[in-house]
Amino acid sequence: MSETTTETGLQYTDVKTGDGDAVTGRGQTVIVHYTGWLADETRFDSSLDRNEPFSFPVDCGYVIRGWDEGVVGMQVGGVRRLVIPPELGYGAQGAGGVIPPNATLTFEIELLEISS
């Protein structure tokens, strides 16, 4: 597995390459399972715990920028690990008392489905 770092500082590794359709960007809605960790490896959220996949429209500002950027190029059935710097995550504000300010976040995302 090789790690890729984008111009924005997002790092990602394809843990498993899917064999379905690929995410191309805006206008698509993706359905994913995810788990998120803080830099100290504290797990703070997982759709798997709720057995409830999460869906969002890509590149429309509904999720943190690291997710919008990080799912592009994934194929259905794939699993990608994202390491998201604070400026692509929740920044200086943090979130909900769970994510501290200026936190680097790690997410593992499994792409279940794409709809247009």
PDB file of N, CA and C in Angstrom:
ATOM      1  N   MET A   1       0.849  -1.181   0.000  1.00  0.00           N
ATOM      2  CA  MET A   1       0.000   0.000   0.000  1.00  0.00           C
ATOM      3  C   MET A   1       0.889   1.236   0.000  1.00  0.00           C
ATOM      4  N   SER A   2       0.671   2.098  -0.961  1.00  0.00           N
ATOM      5  CA  SER A   2       1.471   3.318  -0.994  1.00  0.00           C
ATOM      6  C   SER A   2       0.598   4.509  -0.613  1.00  0.00           C
ATOM      7  N   GLU A   3       1.214   5.430   0.108  1.00  0.00           N
ATOM      8  CA  GLU A   3       0.504   6.621   0.563  1.00  0.00           C
ATOM      9  C   GLU A   3       0.686   7.735  -0.453  1.00  0.00           C
ATOM     10  N   THR A   4      -0.398   8.449  -0.715  1.00  0.00           N
ATOM     11  CA  THR A   4      -0.370   9.598  -1.613  1.00  0.00           C
ATOM     12  C   THR A   4      -0.646  10.846  -0.792  1.00  0.00           C
ATOM     13  N   THR A   5       0.099  11.919  -1.051  1.00  0.00           N
ATOM     14  CA  THR A   5      -0.155  13.212  -0.416  1.00  0.00           C
ATOM     15  C   THR A   5      -0.542  14.195  -1.511  1.00  0.00           C
ATOM     16  N   THR A   6      -1.695  14.837  -1.342  1.00  0.00           N
ATOM     17  CA  THR A   6      -2.180  15.789  -2.342  1.00  0.00           C
ATOM     18  C   THR A   6      -1.585  17.172  -2.099  1.00  0.00           C
ATOM     19  N   GLU A   7      -1.827  18.090  -3.021  1.00  0.00           N
ATOM     20  CA  GLU A   7      -1.329  19.470  -2.886  1.00  0.00           C
ATOM     21  C   GLU A   7      -1.873  20.157  -1.643  1.00  0.00           C
ATOM     22  N   THR A   8      -3.057  19.758  -1.185  1.00  0.00           N
ATOM     23  CA  THR A   8      -3.676  20.391  -0.019  1.00  0.00           C
ATOM     24  C   THR A   8      -3.167  19.818   1.301  1.00  0.00           C
ATOM     25  N   GLY A   9      -2.398  18.721   1.235  1.00  0.00           N
ATOM     26  CA  GLY A   9      -1.873  18.106   2.448  1.00  0.00           C
ATOM     27  C   GLY A   9      -2.626  16.868   2.895  1.00  0.00           C
ATOM     28  N   LEU A  10      -3.704  16.522   2.201  1.00  0.00           N
ATOM     29  CA  LEU A  10      -4.426  15.291   2.498  1.00  0.00           C
ATOM     30  C   LEU A  10      -3.544  14.092   2.147  1.00  0.00           C
ATOM     31  N   GLN A  11      -3.497  13.125   3.043  1.00  0.00           N
ATOM     32  CA  GLN A  11      -2.774  11.882   2.767  1.00  0.00           C
ATOM     33  C   GLN A  11      -3.794  10.756   2.681  1.00  0.00           C
ATOM     34  N   TYR A  12      -3.618   9.884   1.695  1.00  0.00           N
ATOM     35  CA  TYR A  12      -4.517   8.734   1.629  1.00  0.00           C
ATOM     36  C   TYR A  12      -3.797   7.491   1.149  1.00  0.00           C
ATOM     37  N   THR A  13      -4.336   6.370   1.596  1.00  0.00           N
ATOM     38  CA  THR A  13      -3.830   5.058   1.219  1.00  0.00           C
ATOM     39  C   THR A  13      -5.024   4.192   0.866  1.00  0.00           C
ATOM     40  N   ASP A  14      -4.977   3.542  -0.286  1.00  0.00           N
ATOM     41  CA  ASP A  14      -6.024   2.591  -0.630  1.00  0.00           C
ATOM     42  C   ASP A  14      -5.715   1.272   0.062  1.00  0.00           C
ATOM     43  N   VAL A  15      -6.516   0.967   1.083  1.00  0.00           N
ATOM     44  CA  VAL A  15      -6.367  -0.267   1.841  1.00  0.00           C
ATOM     45  C   VAL A  15      -6.853  -1.434   0.982  1.00  0.00           C
ATOM     46  N   LYS A  16      -7.936  -1.183   0.255  1.00  0.00           N
ATOM     47  CA  LYS A  16      -8.502  -2.176  -0.661  1.00  0.00           C
ATOM     48  C   LYS A  16      -9.034  -1.420  -1.865  1.00  0.00           C
ATOM     49  N   THR A  17      -8.637  -1.833  -3.054  1.00  0.00           N
ATOM     50  CA  THR A  17      -9.132  -1.194  -4.269  1.00  0.00           C
ATOM     51  C   THR A  17     -10.433  -1.863  -4.666  1.00  0.00           C
ATOM     52  N   GLY A  18     -11.456  -1.042  -4.907  1.00  0.00           N
ATOM     53  CA  GLY A  18     -12.738  -1.587  -5.326  1.00  0.00           C
ATOM     54  C   GLY A  18     -12.713  -1.990  -6.789  1.00  0.00           C
ATOM     55  N   ASP A  19     -13.797  -2.615  -7.225  1.00  0.00           N
ATOM     56  CA  ASP A  19     -13.885  -3.019  -8.622  1.00  0.00           C
ATOM     57  C   ASP A  19     -15.141  -2.478  -9.291  1.00  0.00           C
ATOM     58  N   GLY A  20     -15.808  -1.545  -8.612  1.00  0.00           N
ATOM     59  CA  GLY A  20     -17.016  -0.949  -9.171  1.00  0.00           C
ATOM     60  C   GLY A  20     -16.737   0.408  -9.781  1.00  0.00           C
ATOM     61  N   ASP A  21     -17.812   1.177  -9.979  1.00  0.00           N
ATOM     62  CA  ASP A  21     -17.701   2.522 -10.538  1.00  0.00           C
ATOM     63  C   ASP A  21     -16.832   3.400  -9.646  1.00  0.00           C
ATOM     64  N   ALA A  22     -16.226   4.425 -10.256  1.00  0.00           N
ATOM     65  CA  ALA A  22     -15.353   5.344  -9.522  1.00  0.00           C
ATOM     66  C   ALA A  22     -16.066   6.661  -9.239  1.00  0.00           C
ATOM     67  N   VAL A  23     -15.710   7.276  -8.120  1.00  0.00           N
ATOM     68  CA  VAL A  23     -16.211   8.607  -7.775  1.00  0.00           C
ATOM     69  C   VAL A  23     -15.443   9.616  -8.617  1.00  0.00           C
ATOM     70  N   THR A  24     -16.179  10.438  -9.364  1.00  0.00           N
ATOM     71  CA  THR A  24     -15.531  11.435 -10.212  1.00  0.00           C
ATOM     72  C   THR A  24     -15.650  12.841  -9.648  1.00  0.00           C
ATOM     73  N   GLY A  25     -16.631  13.090  -8.782  1.00  0.00           N
ATOM     74  CA  GLY A  25     -16.725  14.405  -8.164  1.00  0.00           C
ATOM     75  C   GLY A  25     -18.138  14.918  -8.038  1.00  0.00           C
ATOM     76  N   ARG A  26     -18.270  16.227  -8.113  1.00  0.00           N
ATOM     77  CA  ARG A  26     -19.525  16.928  -7.878  1.00  0.00           C
ATOM     78  C   ARG A  26     -20.673  16.328  -8.683  1.00  0.00           C
ATOM     79  N   GLY A  27     -21.846  16.276  -8.063  1.00  0.00           N
ATOM     80  CA  GLY A  27     -23.019  15.746  -8.735  1.00  0.00           C
ATOM     81  C   GLY A  27     -23.305  14.300  -8.382  1.00  0.00           C
ATOM     82  N   GLN A  28     -22.354  13.659  -7.721  1.00  0.00           N
ATOM     83  CA  GLN A  28     -22.564  12.283  -7.289  1.00  0.00           C
ATOM     84  C   GLN A  28     -22.843  12.267  -5.788  1.00  0.00           C
ATOM     85  N   THR A  29     -23.680  11.336  -5.375  1.00  0.00           N
ATOM     86  CA  THR A  29     -23.896  11.094  -3.955  1.00  0.00           C
ATOM     87  C   THR A  29     -23.282   9.744  -3.640  1.00  0.00           C
ATOM     88  N   VAL A  30     -22.502   9.703  -2.572  1.00  0.00           N
ATOM     89  CA  VAL A  30     -21.853   8.454  -2.189  1.00  0.00           C
ATOM     90  C   VAL A  30     -22.448   7.941  -0.888  1.00  0.00           C
ATOM     91  N   ILE A  31     -22.459   6.632  -0.752  1.00  0.00           N
ATOM     92  CA  ILE A  31     -22.900   5.978   0.475  1.00  0.00           C
ATOM     93  C   ILE A  31     -21.692   5.213   1.000  1.00  0.00           C
ATOM     94  N   VAL A  32     -21.326   5.507   2.248  1.00  0.00           N
ATOM     95  CA  VAL A  32     -20.096   4.960   2.820  1.00  0.00           C
ATOM     96  C   VAL A  32     -20.326   4.423   4.228  1.00  0.00           C
ATOM     97  N   HIS A  33     -19.440   3.561   4.651  1.00  0.00           N
ATOM     98  CA  HIS A  33     -19.251   3.255   6.063  1.00  0.00           C
ATOM     99  C   HIS A  33     -17.921   3.894   6.430  1.00  0.00           C
ATOM    100  N   TYR A  34     -17.812   4.401   7.651  1.00  0.00           N
ATOM    101  CA  TYR A  34     -16.576   5.074   8.055  1.00  0.00           C
ATOM    102  C   TYR A  34     -16.310   4.874   9.535  1.00  0.00           C
ATOM    103  N   THR A  35     -15.046   5.013   9.888  1.00  0.00           N
ATOM    104  CA  THR A  35     -14.618   5.085  11.280  1.00  0.00           C
ATOM    105  C   THR A  35     -13.586   6.196  11.358  1.00  0.00           C
ATOM    106  N   GLY A  36     -13.674   7.010  12.424  1.00  0.00           N
ATOM    107  CA  GLY A  36     -12.752   8.128  12.592  1.00  0.00           C
ATOM    108  C   GLY A  36     -11.971   8.045  13.888  1.00  0.00           C
ATOM    109  N   TRP A  37     -10.686   8.416  13.805  1.00  0.00           N
ATOM    110  CA  TRP A  37      -9.795   8.418  14.964  1.00  0.00           C
ATOM    111  C   TRP A  37      -9.088   9.765  15.088  1.00  0.00           C
ATOM    112  N   LEU A  38      -8.776  10.136  16.319  1.00  0.00           N
ATOM    113  CA  LEU A  38      -7.900  11.276  16.578  1.00  0.00           C
ATOM    114  C   LEU A  38      -6.454  10.806  16.417  1.00  0.00           C
ATOM    115  N   ALA A  39      -5.513  11.750  16.453  1.00  0.00           N
ATOM    116  CA  ALA A  39      -4.096  11.419  16.270  1.00  0.00           C
ATOM    117  C   ALA A  39      -3.584  10.443  17.331  1.00  0.00           C
ATOM    118  N   ASP A  40      -4.178  10.466  18.532  1.00  0.00           N
ATOM    119  CA  ASP A  40      -3.741   9.549  19.597  1.00  0.00           C
ATOM    120  C   ASP A  40      -4.428   8.183  19.502  1.00  0.00           C
ATOM    121  N   GLU A  41      -5.104   7.952  18.373  1.00  0.00           N
ATOM    122  CA  GLU A  41      -5.793   6.698  18.064  1.00  0.00           C
ATOM    123  C   GLU A  41      -7.084   6.492  18.848  1.00  0.00           C
ATOM    124  N   THR A  42      -7.599   7.558  19.481  1.00  0.00           N
ATOM    125  CA  THR A  42      -8.906   7.488  20.116  1.00  0.00           C
ATOM    126  C   THR A  42      -9.972   7.489  19.027  1.00  0.00           C
ATOM    127  N   ARG A  43     -10.798   6.454  19.008  1.00  0.00           N
ATOM    128  CA  ARG A  43     -11.878   6.384  18.023  1.00  0.00           C
ATOM    129  C   ARG A  43     -13.010   7.282  18.496  1.00  0.00           C
ATOM    130  N   PHE A  44     -13.465   8.194  17.626  1.00  0.00           N
ATOM    131  CA  PHE A  44     -14.507   9.125  18.048  1.00  0.00           C
ATOM    132  C   PHE A  44     -15.842   8.909  17.355  1.00  0.00           C
ATOM    133  N   ASP A  45     -15.877   8.180  16.248  1.00  0.00           N
ATOM    134  CA  ASP A  45     -17.156   7.953  15.571  1.00  0.00           C
ATOM    135  C   ASP A  45     -17.006   6.811  14.580  1.00  0.00           C
ATOM    136  N   SER A  46     -18.098   6.082  14.384  1.00  0.00           N
ATOM    137  CA  SER A  46     -18.109   5.022  13.380  1.00  0.00           C
ATOM    138  C   SER A  46     -19.540   4.714  12.975  1.00  0.00           C
ATOM    139  N   SER A  47     -19.795   4.755  11.680  1.00  0.00           N
ATOM    140  CA  SER A  47     -21.118   4.369  11.179  1.00  0.00           C
ATOM    141  C   SER A  47     -21.342   2.870  11.382  1.00  0.00           C
ATOM    142  N   LEU A  48     -20.272   2.114  11.484  1.00  0.00           N
ATOM    143  CA  LEU A  48     -20.391   0.668  11.701  1.00  0.00           C
ATOM    144  C   LEU A  48     -21.015   0.366  13.061  1.00  0.00           C
ATOM    145  N   ASP A  49     -20.719   1.204  14.070  1.00  0.00           N
ATOM    146  CA  ASP A  49     -21.306   1.005  15.400  1.00  0.00           C
ATOM    147  C   ASP A  49     -22.823   1.119  15.354  1.00  0.00           C
ATOM    148  N   ARG A  50     -23.311   1.971  14.472  1.00  0.00           N
ATOM    149  CA  ARG A  50     -24.760   2.191  14.335  1.00  0.00           C
ATOM    150  C   ARG A  50     -25.372   1.286  13.272  1.00  0.00           C
ATOM    151  N   ASN A  51     -24.515   0.554  12.553  1.00  0.00           N
ATOM    152  CA  ASN A  51     -24.948  -0.264  11.423  1.00  0.00           C
ATOM    153  C   ASN A  51     -25.797   0.566  10.462  1.00  0.00           C
ATOM    154  N   GLU A  52     -25.346   1.800  10.247  1.00  0.00           N
ATOM    155  CA  GLU A  52     -26.095   2.748   9.426  1.00  0.00           C
ATOM    156  C   GLU A  52     -25.128   3.494   8.514  1.00  0.00           C
ATOM    157  N   PRO A  53     -25.083   3.132   7.225  1.00  0.00           N
ATOM    158  CA  PRO A  53     -24.201   3.845   6.302  1.00  0.00           C
ATOM    159  C   PRO A  53     -24.542   5.334   6.249  1.00  0.00           C
ATOM    160  N   PHE A  54     -23.571   6.128   5.834  1.00  0.00           N
ATOM    161  CA  PHE A  54     -23.711   7.583   5.744  1.00  0.00           C
ATOM    162  C   PHE A  54     -23.651   7.974   4.275  1.00  0.00           C
ATOM    163  N   SER A  55     -24.545   8.871   3.851  1.00  0.00           N
ATOM    164  CA  SER A  55     -24.508   9.331   2.457  1.00  0.00           C
ATOM    165  C   SER A  55     -24.322  10.839   2.414  1.00  0.00           C
ATOM    166  N   PHE A  56     -23.622  11.302   1.368  1.00  0.00           N
ATOM    167  CA  PHE A  56     -23.436  12.740   1.182  1.00  0.00           C
ATOM    168  C   PHE A  56     -23.149  13.040  -0.283  1.00  0.00           C
ATOM    169  N   PRO A  57     -23.563  14.238  -0.728  1.00  0.00           N
ATOM    170  CA  PRO A  57     -23.224  14.669  -2.085  1.00  0.00           C
ATOM    171  C   PRO A  57     -21.776  15.160  -2.112  1.00  0.00           C
ATOM    172  N   VAL A  58     -21.021  14.674  -3.076  1.00  0.00           N
ATOM    173  CA  VAL A  58     -19.591  14.986  -3.167  1.00  0.00           C
ATOM    174  C   VAL A  58     -19.372  16.434  -3.599  1.00  0.00           C
ATOM    175  N   ASP A  59     -18.442  17.103  -2.932  1.00  0.00           N
ATOM    176  CA  ASP A  59     -17.978  18.442  -3.294  1.00  0.00           C
ATOM    177  C   ASP A  59     -19.079  19.495  -3.240  1.00  0.00           C
ATOM    178  N   CYS A  60     -19.971  19.354  -2.256  1.00  0.00           N
ATOM    179  CA  CYS A  60     -21.061  20.326  -2.091  1.00  0.00           C
ATOM    180  C   CYS A  60     -21.029  20.986  -0.715  1.00  0.00           C
ATOM    181  N   GLY A  61     -19.972  20.746   0.068  1.00  0.00           N
ATOM    182  CA  GLY A  61     -19.840  21.394   1.364  1.00  0.00           C
ATOM    183  C   GLY A  61     -20.630  20.750   2.493  1.00  0.00           C
ATOM    184  N   TYR A  62     -21.131  19.538   2.299  1.00  0.00           N
ATOM    185  CA  TYR A  62     -21.905  18.868   3.347  1.00  0.00           C
ATOM    186  C   TYR A  62     -21.026  18.157   4.363  1.00  0.00           C
ATOM    187  N   VAL A  63     -19.793  17.871   3.979  1.00  0.00           N
ATOM    188  CA  VAL A  63     -18.844  17.196   4.871  1.00  0.00           C
ATOM    189  C   VAL A  63     -17.545  18.000   4.885  1.00  0.00           C
ATOM    190  N   ILE A  64     -16.620  17.618   5.746  1.00  0.00           N
ATOM    191  CA  ILE A  64     -15.336  18.322   5.784  1.00  0.00           C
ATOM    192  C   ILE A  64     -14.620  18.171   4.439  1.00  0.00           C
ATOM    193  N   ARG A  65     -13.785  19.141   4.127  1.00  0.00           N
ATOM    194  CA  ARG A  65     -13.101  19.160   2.819  1.00  0.00           C
ATOM    195  C   ARG A  65     -12.248  17.919   2.588  1.00  0.00           C
ATOM    196  N   GLY A  66     -11.659  17.394   3.652  1.00  0.00           N
ATOM    197  CA  GLY A  66     -10.842  16.192   3.518  1.00  0.00           C
ATOM    198  C   GLY A  66     -11.621  14.997   2.998  1.00  0.00           C
ATOM    199  N   TRP A  67     -12.900  14.911   3.362  1.00  0.00           N
ATOM    200  CA  TRP A  67     -13.749  13.833   2.842  1.00  0.00           C
ATOM    201  C   TRP A  67     -14.086  14.087   1.384  1.00  0.00           C
ATOM    202  N   ASP A  68     -14.503  15.322   1.067  1.00  0.00           N
ATOM    203  CA  ASP A  68     -14.851  15.647  -0.326  1.00  0.00           C
ATOM    204  C   ASP A  68     -13.692  15.308  -1.260  1.00  0.00           C
ATOM    205  N   GLU A  69     -12.501  15.699  -0.858  1.00  0.00           N
ATOM    206  CA  GLU A  69     -11.320  15.435  -1.683  1.00  0.00           C
ATOM    207  C   GLU A  69     -10.928  13.959  -1.628  1.00  0.00           C
ATOM    208  N   GLY A  70     -11.060  13.363  -0.468  1.00  0.00           N
ATOM    209  CA  GLY A  70     -10.552  12.016  -0.243  1.00  0.00           C
ATOM    210  C   GLY A  70     -11.317  10.887  -0.899  1.00  0.00           C
ATOM    211  N   VAL A  71     -12.593  11.095  -1.212  1.00  0.00           N
ATOM    212  CA  VAL A  71     -13.355  10.004  -1.840  1.00  0.00           C
ATOM    213  C   VAL A  71     -13.221   9.994  -3.359  1.00  0.00           C
ATOM    214  N   VAL A  72     -12.786  11.119  -3.944  1.00  0.00           N
ATOM    215  CA  VAL A  72     -12.664  11.180  -5.407  1.00  0.00           C
ATOM    216  C   VAL A  72     -11.617  10.163  -5.873  1.00  0.00           C
ATOM    217  N   GLY A  73     -11.995   9.371  -6.847  1.00  0.00           N
ATOM    218  CA  GLY A  73     -11.112   8.335  -7.369  1.00  0.00           C
ATOM    219  C   GLY A  73     -11.346   6.966  -6.751  1.00  0.00           C
ATOM    220  N   MET A  74     -12.061   6.918  -5.623  1.00  0.00           N
ATOM    221  CA  MET A  74     -12.384   5.620  -5.026  1.00  0.00           C
ATOM    222  C   MET A  74     -13.342   4.863  -5.930  1.00  0.00           C
ATOM    223  N   GLN A  75     -13.262   3.540  -5.879  1.00  0.00           N
ATOM    224  CA  GLN A  75     -14.195   2.695  -6.607  1.00  0.00           C
ATOM    225  C   GLN A  75     -15.083   1.954  -5.610  1.00  0.00           C
ATOM    226  N   VAL A  76     -16.327   1.693  -6.026  1.00  0.00           N
ATOM    227  CA  VAL A  76     -17.261   0.962  -5.174  1.00  0.00           C
ATOM    228  C   VAL A  76     -16.614  -0.353  -4.739  1.00  0.00           C
ATOM    229  N   GLY A  77     -16.726  -0.629  -3.436  1.00  0.00           N
ATOM    230  CA  GLY A  77     -16.110  -1.818  -2.861  1.00  0.00           C
ATOM    231  C   GLY A  77     -14.743  -1.541  -2.268  1.00  0.00           C
ATOM    232  N   GLY A  78     -14.213  -0.342  -2.501  1.00  0.00           N
ATOM    233  CA  GLY A  78     -12.891   0.010  -2.006  1.00  0.00           C
ATOM    234  C   GLY A  78     -12.910   0.550  -0.589  1.00  0.00           C
ATOM    235  N   VAL A  79     -11.749   0.492   0.045  1.00  0.00           N
ATOM    236  CA  VAL A  79     -11.547   1.045   1.384  1.00  0.00           C
ATOM    237  C   VAL A  79     -10.327   1.948   1.315  1.00  0.00           C
ATOM    238  N   ARG A  80     -10.475   3.177   1.811  1.00  0.00           N
ATOM    239  CA  ARG A  80      -9.386   4.152   1.779  1.00  0.00           C
ATOM    240  C   ARG A  80      -9.192   4.735   3.167  1.00  0.00           C
ATOM    241  N   ARG A  81      -7.917   4.869   3.559  1.00  0.00           N
ATOM    242  CA  ARG A  81      -7.575   5.525   4.824  1.00  0.00           C
ATOM    243  C   ARG A  81      -7.131   6.941   4.510  1.00  0.00           C
ATOM    244  N   LEU A  82      -7.786   7.908   5.149  1.00  0.00           N
ATOM    245  CA  LEU A  82      -7.484   9.326   4.958  1.00  0.00           C
ATOM    246  C   LEU A  82      -6.835   9.874   6.220  1.00  0.00           C
ATOM    247  N   VAL A  83      -5.755  10.627   6.066  1.00  0.00           N
ATOM    248  CA  VAL A  83      -5.174  11.393   7.171  1.00  0.00           C
ATOM    249  C   VAL A  83      -5.391  12.851   6.798  1.00  0.00           C
ATOM    250  N   ILE A  84      -6.262  13.502   7.583  1.00  0.00           N
ATOM    251  CA  ILE A  84      -6.778  14.819   7.229  1.00  0.00           C
ATOM    252  C   ILE A  84      -6.189  15.885   8.148  1.00  0.00           C
ATOM    253  N   PRO A  85      -5.433  16.838   7.582  1.00  0.00           N
ATOM    254  CA  PRO A  85      -4.888  17.921   8.407  1.00  0.00           C
ATOM    255  C   PRO A  85      -6.019  18.836   8.883  1.00  0.00           C
ATOM    256  N   PRO A  86      -5.786  19.589   9.964  1.00  0.00           N
ATOM    257  CA  PRO A  86      -6.845  20.429  10.539  1.00  0.00           C
ATOM    258  C   PRO A  86      -7.526  21.356   9.537  1.00  0.00           C
ATOM    259  N   GLU A  87      -6.746  21.921   8.606  1.00  0.00           N
ATOM    260  CA  GLU A  87      -7.340  22.881   7.669  1.00  0.00           C
ATOM    261  C   GLU A  87      -8.306  22.231   6.681  1.00  0.00           C
ATOM    262  N   LEU A  88      -8.275  20.903   6.567  1.00  0.00           N
ATOM    263  CA  LEU A  88      -9.241  20.186   5.727  1.00  0.00           C
ATOM    264  C   LEU A  88     -10.279  19.460   6.578  1.00  0.00           C
ATOM    265  N   GLY A  89     -10.152  19.646   7.912  1.00  0.00           N
ATOM    266  CA  GLY A  89     -11.076  19.015   8.851  1.00  0.00           C
ATOM    267  C   GLY A  89     -11.929  20.063   9.543  1.00  0.00           C
ATOM    268  N   TYR A  90     -11.811  20.120  10.871  1.00  0.00           N
ATOM    269  CA  TYR A  90     -12.636  21.044  11.651  1.00  0.00           C
ATOM    270  C   TYR A  90     -11.878  22.282  12.105  1.00  0.00           C
ATOM    271  N   GLY A  91     -10.610  22.407  11.690  1.00  0.00           N
ATOM    272  CA  GLY A  91      -9.840  23.623  11.923  1.00  0.00           C
ATOM    273  C   GLY A  91      -9.679  23.986  13.382  1.00  0.00           C
ATOM    274  N   ALA A  92      -9.601  25.298  13.619  1.00  0.00           N
ATOM    275  CA  ALA A  92      -9.357  25.825  14.960  1.00  0.00           C
ATOM    276  C   ALA A  92     -10.567  25.675  15.881  1.00  0.00           C
ATOM    277  N   GLN A  93     -11.763  25.430  15.305  1.00  0.00           N
ATOM    278  CA  GLN A  93     -12.964  25.311  16.126  1.00  0.00           C
ATOM    279  C   GLN A  93     -13.102  23.941  16.779  1.00  0.00           C
ATOM    280  N   GLY A  94     -12.601  22.885  16.108  1.00  0.00           N
ATOM    281  CA  GLY A  94     -12.905  21.541  16.582  1.00  0.00           C
ATOM    282  C   GLY A  94     -14.371  21.250  16.299  1.00  0.00           C
ATOM    283  N   ALA A  95     -14.917  20.227  16.946  1.00  0.00           N
ATOM    284  CA  ALA A  95     -16.323  19.884  16.693  1.00  0.00           C
ATOM    285  C   ALA A  95     -16.941  19.148  17.867  1.00  0.00           C
ATOM    286  N   GLY A  96     -18.078  19.646  18.280  1.00  0.00           N
ATOM    287  CA  GLY A  96     -18.950  18.952  19.215  1.00  0.00           C
ATOM    288  C   GLY A  96     -18.335  18.485  20.519  1.00  0.00           C
ATOM    289  N   GLY A  97     -17.270  19.116  20.962  1.00  0.00           N
ATOM    290  CA  GLY A  97     -16.648  18.696  22.205  1.00  0.00           C
ATOM    291  C   GLY A  97     -15.919  17.363  22.093  1.00  0.00           C
ATOM    292  N   VAL A  98     -15.957  16.760  20.904  1.00  0.00           N
ATOM    293  CA  VAL A  98     -15.323  15.458  20.692  1.00  0.00           C
ATOM    294  C   VAL A  98     -13.993  15.618  19.967  1.00  0.00           C
ATOM    295  N   ILE A  99     -13.984  16.517  18.986  1.00  0.00           N
ATOM    296  CA  ILE A  99     -12.780  16.748  18.185  1.00  0.00           C
ATOM    297  C   ILE A  99     -12.153  18.059  18.639  1.00  0.00           C
ATOM    298  N   PRO A 100     -10.947  17.998  19.192  1.00  0.00           N
ATOM    299  CA  PRO A 100     -10.316  19.218  19.696  1.00  0.00           C
ATOM    300  C   PRO A 100      -9.890  20.154  18.569  1.00  0.00           C
ATOM    301  N   PRO A 101      -9.646  21.430  18.906  1.00  0.00           N
ATOM    302  CA  PRO A 101      -9.155  22.376  17.901  1.00  0.00           C
ATOM    303  C   PRO A 101      -7.857  21.879  17.266  1.00  0.00           C
ATOM    304  N   ASN A 102      -7.695  22.194  15.990  1.00  0.00           N
ATOM    305  CA  ASN A 102      -6.471  21.890  15.238  1.00  0.00           C
ATOM    306  C   ASN A 102      -6.086  20.409  15.252  1.00  0.00           C
ATOM    307  N   ALA A 103      -7.106  19.546  15.213  1.00  0.00           N
ATOM    308  CA  ALA A 103      -6.860  18.102  15.258  1.00  0.00           C
ATOM    309  C   ALA A 103      -6.603  17.533  13.864  1.00  0.00           C
ATOM    310  N   THR A 104      -5.590  16.683  13.775  1.00  0.00           N
ATOM    311  CA  THR A 104      -5.393  15.854  12.584  1.00  0.00           C
ATOM    312  C   THR A 104      -6.248  14.612  12.783  1.00  0.00           C
ATOM    313  N   LEU A 105      -7.025  14.272  11.771  1.00  0.00           N
ATOM    314  CA  LEU A 105      -7.980  13.170  11.872  1.00  0.00           C
ATOM    315  C   LEU A 105      -7.624  12.052  10.903  1.00  0.00           C
ATOM    316  N   THR A 106      -7.901  10.832  11.306  1.00  0.00           N
ATOM    317  CA  THR A 106      -7.751   9.678  10.419  1.00  0.00           C
ATOM    318  C   THR A 106      -9.119   9.037  10.255  1.00  0.00           C
ATOM    319  N   PHE A 107      -9.488   8.777   9.018  1.00  0.00           N
ATOM    320  CA  PHE A 107     -10.743   8.083   8.729  1.00  0.00           C
ATOM    321  C   PHE A 107     -10.454   6.893   7.837  1.00  0.00           C
ATOM    322  N   GLU A 108     -11.164   5.817   8.079  1.00  0.00           N
ATOM    323  CA  GLU A 108     -11.171   4.710   7.134  1.00  0.00           C
ATOM    324  C   GLU A 108     -12.570   4.684   6.535  1.00  0.00           C
ATOM    325  N   ILE A 109     -12.629   4.796   5.217  1.00  0.00           N
ATOM    326  CA  ILE A 109     -13.901   4.921   4.504  1.00  0.00           C
ATOM    327  C   ILE A 109     -14.050   3.753   3.540  1.00  0.00           C
ATOM    328  N   GLU A 110     -15.202   3.086   3.614  1.00  0.00           N
ATOM    329  CA  GLU A 110     -15.542   2.026   2.664  1.00  0.00           C
ATOM    330  C   GLU A 110     -16.644   2.550   1.758  1.00  0.00           C
ATOM    331  N   LEU A 111     -16.397   2.564   0.463  1.00  0.00           N
ATOM    332  CA  LEU A 111     -17.375   3.063  -0.505  1.00  0.00           C
ATOM    333  C   LEU A 111     -18.340   1.943  -0.870  1.00  0.00           C
ATOM    334  N   LEU A 112     -19.599   2.117  -0.469  1.00  0.00           N
ATOM    335  CA  LEU A 112     -20.618   1.097  -0.689  1.00  0.00           C
ATOM    336  C   LEU A 112     -21.369   1.289  -1.997  1.00  0.00           C
ATOM    337  N   GLU A 113     -21.634   2.561  -2.345  1.00  0.00           N
ATOM    338  CA  GLU A 113     -22.501   2.826  -3.495  1.00  0.00           C
ATOM    339  C   GLU A 113     -22.313   4.259  -3.973  1.00  0.00           C
ATOM    340  N   ILE A 114     -22.569   4.484  -5.260  1.00  0.00           N
ATOM    341  CA  ILE A 114     -22.570   5.827  -5.851  1.00  0.00           C
ATOM    342  C   ILE A 114     -23.900   6.000  -6.562  1.00  0.00           C
ATOM    343  N   SER A 115     -24.522   7.184  -6.372  1.00  0.00           N
ATOM    344  CA  SER A 115     -25.707   7.502  -7.164  1.00  0.00           C
ATOM    345  C   SER A 115     -25.526   8.884  -7.773  1.00  0.00           C
ATOM    346  N   SER A 116     -26.187   9.121  -8.891  1.00  0.00           N
ATOM    347  CA  SER A 116     -26.027  10.409  -9.588  1.00  0.00           C
ATOM    348  C   SER A 116     -27.183  11.327  -9.289  1.00  0.00           C
TER     349      SER A 116
END
